[in-house]
Amino acid sequence: MTDSQTPERQTRILVVEDDATLRSVLVTELRDLGYRVDAAENGLKALDALRKFAVDVILLDIKMPEMDGMEVLERIRQEQLS
């Protein structure tokens, strides 16, 4: 965590990755670096999460089942999420 970040305002990251192992590694590493991290296993769950809370950064897999990353980005733009 940098000097400019306080516990009240950590950078919040949403990791969207369908591979459970990779998702787990990303979440663990980012949390170890001091980020507040949420995760979603697909695009639909990512959109649901973004309707509930805002994030600062989205790490988004492009090739996923159900809804690919490009469609997620388009929906975020359409719905003005995050």
N, C-alpha and C. Protein backbone atom coordinates (compact mmCIF):
# COMPACT_ATOMS: atom_id res chain seq x y z
N MET A 1 0.85 -1.17 0.00
CA MET A 1 0.00 0.00 0.00
C MET A 1 0.90 1.24 0.00
N THR A 2 0.59 2.20 -0.84
CA THR A 2 1.42 3.40 -0.92
C THR A 2 1.04 4.38 0.17
N ASP A 3 1.89 5.40 0.37
CA ASP A 3 1.61 6.41 1.38
C ASP A 3 0.31 7.16 1.13
N SER A 4 -0.08 7.31 -0.15
CA SER A 4 -1.28 8.06 -0.47
C SER A 4 -2.56 7.26 -0.23
N GLN A 5 -2.44 5.96 -0.01
CA GLN A 5 -3.61 5.13 0.25
C GLN A 5 -3.76 4.90 1.74
N THR A 6 -4.97 5.01 2.21
CA THR A 6 -5.25 4.73 3.60
C THR A 6 -6.19 3.53 3.65
N PRO A 7 -6.31 2.88 4.80
CA PRO A 7 -7.22 1.75 4.88
C PRO A 7 -8.66 2.11 4.49
N GLU A 8 -9.04 3.38 4.66
CA GLU A 8 -10.39 3.79 4.31
C GLU A 8 -10.58 3.87 2.80
N ARG A 9 -9.49 4.03 2.04
CA ARG A 9 -9.62 4.21 0.60
C ARG A 9 -8.56 3.41 -0.16
N GLN A 10 -8.67 2.10 -0.08
CA GLN A 10 -7.81 1.24 -0.86
C GLN A 10 -8.35 1.16 -2.29
N THR A 11 -7.46 0.98 -3.23
CA THR A 11 -7.88 0.75 -4.60
C THR A 11 -8.63 -0.58 -4.65
N ARG A 12 -9.84 -0.55 -5.25
CA ARG A 12 -10.67 -1.75 -5.34
C ARG A 12 -10.58 -2.31 -6.74
N ILE A 13 -10.25 -3.59 -6.83
CA ILE A 13 -10.05 -4.26 -8.11
C ILE A 13 -11.05 -5.41 -8.23
N LEU A 14 -11.66 -5.53 -9.40
CA LEU A 14 -12.52 -6.67 -9.71
C LEU A 14 -11.78 -7.55 -10.70
N VAL A 15 -11.50 -8.79 -10.30
CA VAL A 15 -10.84 -9.77 -11.16
C VAL A 15 -11.94 -10.63 -11.78
N VAL A 16 -11.99 -10.67 -13.11
CA VAL A 16 -12.99 -11.47 -13.82
C VAL A 16 -12.23 -12.50 -14.66
N GLU A 17 -12.30 -13.74 -14.21
CA GLU A 17 -11.50 -14.82 -14.82
C GLU A 17 -12.24 -16.13 -14.62
N ASP A 18 -12.44 -16.89 -15.71
CA ASP A 18 -13.17 -18.15 -15.59
C ASP A 18 -12.30 -19.30 -15.09
N ASP A 19 -11.00 -19.21 -15.22
CA ASP A 19 -10.11 -20.25 -14.72
C ASP A 19 -9.93 -20.06 -13.21
N ALA A 20 -10.43 -20.99 -12.43
CA ALA A 20 -10.44 -20.86 -10.97
C ALA A 20 -9.04 -20.72 -10.37
N THR A 21 -8.08 -21.46 -10.90
CA THR A 21 -6.72 -21.39 -10.38
C THR A 21 -6.10 -20.03 -10.63
N LEU A 22 -6.21 -19.55 -11.85
CA LEU A 22 -5.66 -18.24 -12.19
C LEU A 22 -6.35 -17.14 -11.39
N ARG A 23 -7.68 -17.24 -11.27
CA ARG A 23 -8.44 -16.25 -10.50
C ARG A 23 -7.95 -16.22 -9.06
N SER A 24 -7.75 -17.37 -8.46
CA SER A 24 -7.29 -17.46 -7.08
C SER A 24 -5.90 -16.85 -6.91
N VAL A 25 -5.00 -17.15 -7.84
CA VAL A 25 -3.64 -16.60 -7.78
C VAL A 25 -3.68 -15.08 -7.89
N LEU A 26 -4.44 -14.56 -8.85
CA LEU A 26 -4.54 -13.10 -9.02
C LEU A 26 -5.09 -12.44 -7.76
N VAL A 27 -6.15 -12.99 -7.22
CA VAL A 27 -6.76 -12.42 -6.01
C VAL A 27 -5.76 -12.43 -4.86
N THR A 28 -5.09 -13.55 -4.65
CA THR A 28 -4.13 -13.66 -3.55
C THR A 28 -2.99 -12.66 -3.71
N GLU A 29 -2.41 -12.60 -4.89
CA GLU A 29 -1.28 -11.70 -5.12
C GLU A 29 -1.68 -10.23 -4.95
N LEU A 30 -2.83 -9.86 -5.49
CA LEU A 30 -3.28 -8.47 -5.38
C LEU A 30 -3.60 -8.10 -3.94
N ARG A 31 -4.21 -9.01 -3.21
CA ARG A 31 -4.49 -8.73 -1.78
C ARG A 31 -3.19 -8.60 -1.00
N ASP A 32 -2.21 -9.46 -1.32
CA ASP A 32 -0.91 -9.37 -0.65
C ASP A 32 -0.23 -8.02 -0.92
N LEU A 33 -0.53 -7.43 -2.05
CA LEU A 33 0.01 -6.11 -2.39
C LEU A 33 -0.78 -4.96 -1.75
N GLY A 34 -1.86 -5.30 -1.04
CA GLY A 34 -2.62 -4.29 -0.31
C GLY A 34 -3.87 -3.79 -0.99
N TYR A 35 -4.25 -4.41 -2.10
CA TYR A 35 -5.47 -3.99 -2.79
C TYR A 35 -6.70 -4.67 -2.20
N ARG A 36 -7.82 -4.00 -2.32
CA ARG A 36 -9.10 -4.60 -1.98
C ARG A 36 -9.58 -5.30 -3.24
N VAL A 37 -9.80 -6.61 -3.18
CA VAL A 37 -10.07 -7.39 -4.38
C VAL A 37 -11.38 -8.17 -4.26
N ASP A 38 -12.16 -8.08 -5.32
CA ASP A 38 -13.35 -8.91 -5.48
C ASP A 38 -13.13 -9.74 -6.74
N ALA A 39 -13.86 -10.84 -6.87
CA ALA A 39 -13.67 -11.70 -8.03
C ALA A 39 -15.01 -12.18 -8.57
N ALA A 40 -15.02 -12.42 -9.87
CA ALA A 40 -16.19 -12.98 -10.54
C ALA A 40 -15.68 -14.03 -11.52
N GLU A 41 -16.46 -15.12 -11.66
CA GLU A 41 -16.00 -16.21 -12.52
C GLU A 41 -16.46 -16.09 -13.96
N ASN A 42 -17.33 -15.12 -14.24
CA ASN A 42 -17.74 -14.90 -15.63
C ASN A 42 -18.29 -13.49 -15.80
N GLY A 43 -18.59 -13.13 -17.03
CA GLY A 43 -19.05 -11.78 -17.33
C GLY A 43 -20.37 -11.43 -16.68
N LEU A 44 -21.29 -12.37 -16.63
CA LEU A 44 -22.59 -12.09 -16.01
C LEU A 44 -22.44 -11.77 -14.53
N LYS A 45 -21.61 -12.52 -13.85
CA LYS A 45 -21.38 -12.26 -12.42
C LYS A 45 -20.62 -10.96 -12.22
N ALA A 46 -19.75 -10.62 -13.16
CA ALA A 46 -19.03 -9.34 -13.08
C ALA A 46 -20.02 -8.17 -13.18
N LEU A 47 -20.95 -8.25 -14.12
CA LEU A 47 -21.94 -7.18 -14.26
C LEU A 47 -22.82 -7.08 -13.02
N ASP A 48 -23.20 -8.21 -12.46
CA ASP A 48 -23.97 -8.20 -11.21
C ASP A 48 -23.19 -7.50 -10.10
N ALA A 49 -21.91 -7.81 -10.00
CA ALA A 49 -21.07 -7.18 -8.97
C ALA A 49 -21.00 -5.67 -9.20
N LEU A 50 -20.81 -5.25 -10.45
CA LEU A 50 -20.68 -3.83 -10.75
C LEU A 50 -21.97 -3.06 -10.52
N ARG A 51 -23.08 -3.74 -10.54
CA ARG A 51 -24.36 -3.08 -10.22
C ARG A 51 -24.50 -2.86 -8.72
N LYS A 52 -23.71 -3.60 -7.93
CA LYS A 52 -23.78 -3.51 -6.46
C LYS A 52 -22.73 -2.58 -5.87
N PHE A 53 -21.57 -2.49 -6.52
CA PHE A 53 -20.50 -1.65 -5.97
C PHE A 53 -19.59 -1.16 -7.09
N ALA A 54 -18.94 -0.04 -6.83
CA ALA A 54 -18.01 0.55 -7.80
C ALA A 54 -16.61 0.00 -7.56
N VAL A 55 -15.83 -0.09 -8.63
CA VAL A 55 -14.44 -0.50 -8.53
C VAL A 55 -13.57 0.53 -9.24
N ASP A 56 -12.30 0.49 -8.91
CA ASP A 56 -11.33 1.39 -9.55
C ASP A 56 -10.71 0.77 -10.78
N VAL A 57 -10.53 -0.57 -10.75
CA VAL A 57 -9.87 -1.29 -11.83
C VAL A 57 -10.59 -2.61 -12.05
N ILE A 58 -10.71 -3.00 -13.33
CA ILE A 58 -11.24 -4.32 -13.67
C ILE A 58 -10.17 -5.07 -14.45
N LEU A 59 -9.76 -6.23 -13.95
CA LEU A 59 -8.89 -7.14 -14.70
C LEU A 59 -9.81 -8.16 -15.33
N LEU A 60 -9.95 -8.10 -16.65
CA LEU A 60 -11.01 -8.82 -17.34
C LEU A 60 -10.44 -9.78 -18.37
N ASP A 61 -10.76 -11.05 -18.21
CA ASP A 61 -10.42 -12.06 -19.21
C ASP A 61 -11.27 -11.78 -20.45
N ILE A 62 -10.70 -11.92 -21.62
CA ILE A 62 -11.45 -11.65 -22.85
C ILE A 62 -12.22 -12.90 -23.30
N LYS A 63 -11.60 -14.06 -23.21
CA LYS A 63 -12.26 -15.30 -23.66
C LYS A 63 -12.85 -16.03 -22.48
N MET A 64 -14.18 -15.92 -22.34
CA MET A 64 -14.90 -16.60 -21.26
C MET A 64 -16.19 -17.17 -21.81
N PRO A 65 -16.69 -18.23 -21.19
CA PRO A 65 -18.00 -18.76 -21.60
C PRO A 65 -19.12 -17.83 -21.14
N GLU A 66 -20.29 -17.99 -21.68
CA GLU A 66 -21.49 -17.22 -21.35
C GLU A 66 -21.46 -15.81 -21.90
N MET A 67 -20.44 -15.04 -21.55
CA MET A 67 -20.32 -13.67 -22.04
C MET A 67 -18.83 -13.33 -22.07
N ASP A 68 -18.31 -13.02 -23.27
CA ASP A 68 -16.88 -12.73 -23.34
C ASP A 68 -16.57 -11.33 -22.82
N GLY A 69 -15.30 -11.08 -22.61
CA GLY A 69 -14.86 -9.82 -22.03
C GLY A 69 -15.24 -8.60 -22.84
N MET A 70 -15.24 -8.72 -24.16
CA MET A 70 -15.61 -7.57 -25.00
C MET A 70 -17.09 -7.20 -24.80
N GLU A 71 -17.94 -8.20 -24.66
CA GLU A 71 -19.35 -7.93 -24.40
C GLU A 71 -19.54 -7.31 -23.01
N VAL A 72 -18.77 -7.77 -22.05
CA VAL A 72 -18.82 -7.17 -20.71
C VAL A 72 -18.48 -5.69 -20.79
N LEU A 73 -17.41 -5.36 -21.52
CA LEU A 73 -17.03 -3.94 -21.67
C LEU A 73 -18.14 -3.12 -22.31
N GLU A 74 -18.76 -3.69 -23.34
CA GLU A 74 -19.87 -2.98 -24.01
C GLU A 74 -21.03 -2.75 -23.05
N ARG A 75 -21.36 -3.76 -22.26
CA ARG A 75 -22.45 -3.61 -21.28
C ARG A 75 -22.12 -2.57 -20.22
N ILE A 76 -20.86 -2.55 -19.79
CA ILE A 76 -20.44 -1.55 -18.80
C ILE A 76 -20.65 -0.16 -19.37
N ARG A 77 -20.27 0.03 -20.63
CA ARG A 77 -20.47 1.33 -21.30
C ARG A 77 -21.96 1.66 -21.41
N GLN A 78 -22.74 0.70 -21.87
CA GLN A 78 -24.18 0.91 -22.06
C GLN A 78 -24.89 1.27 -20.75
N GLU A 79 -24.54 0.57 -19.71
CA GLU A 79 -25.21 0.76 -18.42
C GLU A 79 -24.49 1.80 -17.55
N GLN A 80 -23.37 2.30 -18.03
CA GLN A 80 -22.55 3.28 -17.30
C GLN A 80 -22.22 2.78 -15.90
N LEU A 81 -21.74 1.56 -15.84
CA LEU A 81 -21.38 0.93 -14.57
C LEU A 81 -19.95 1.30 -14.18
N SER A 82 -19.69 1.30 -12.92
CA SER A 82 -18.38 1.51 -12.29
C SER A 82 -17.82 2.88 -12.51
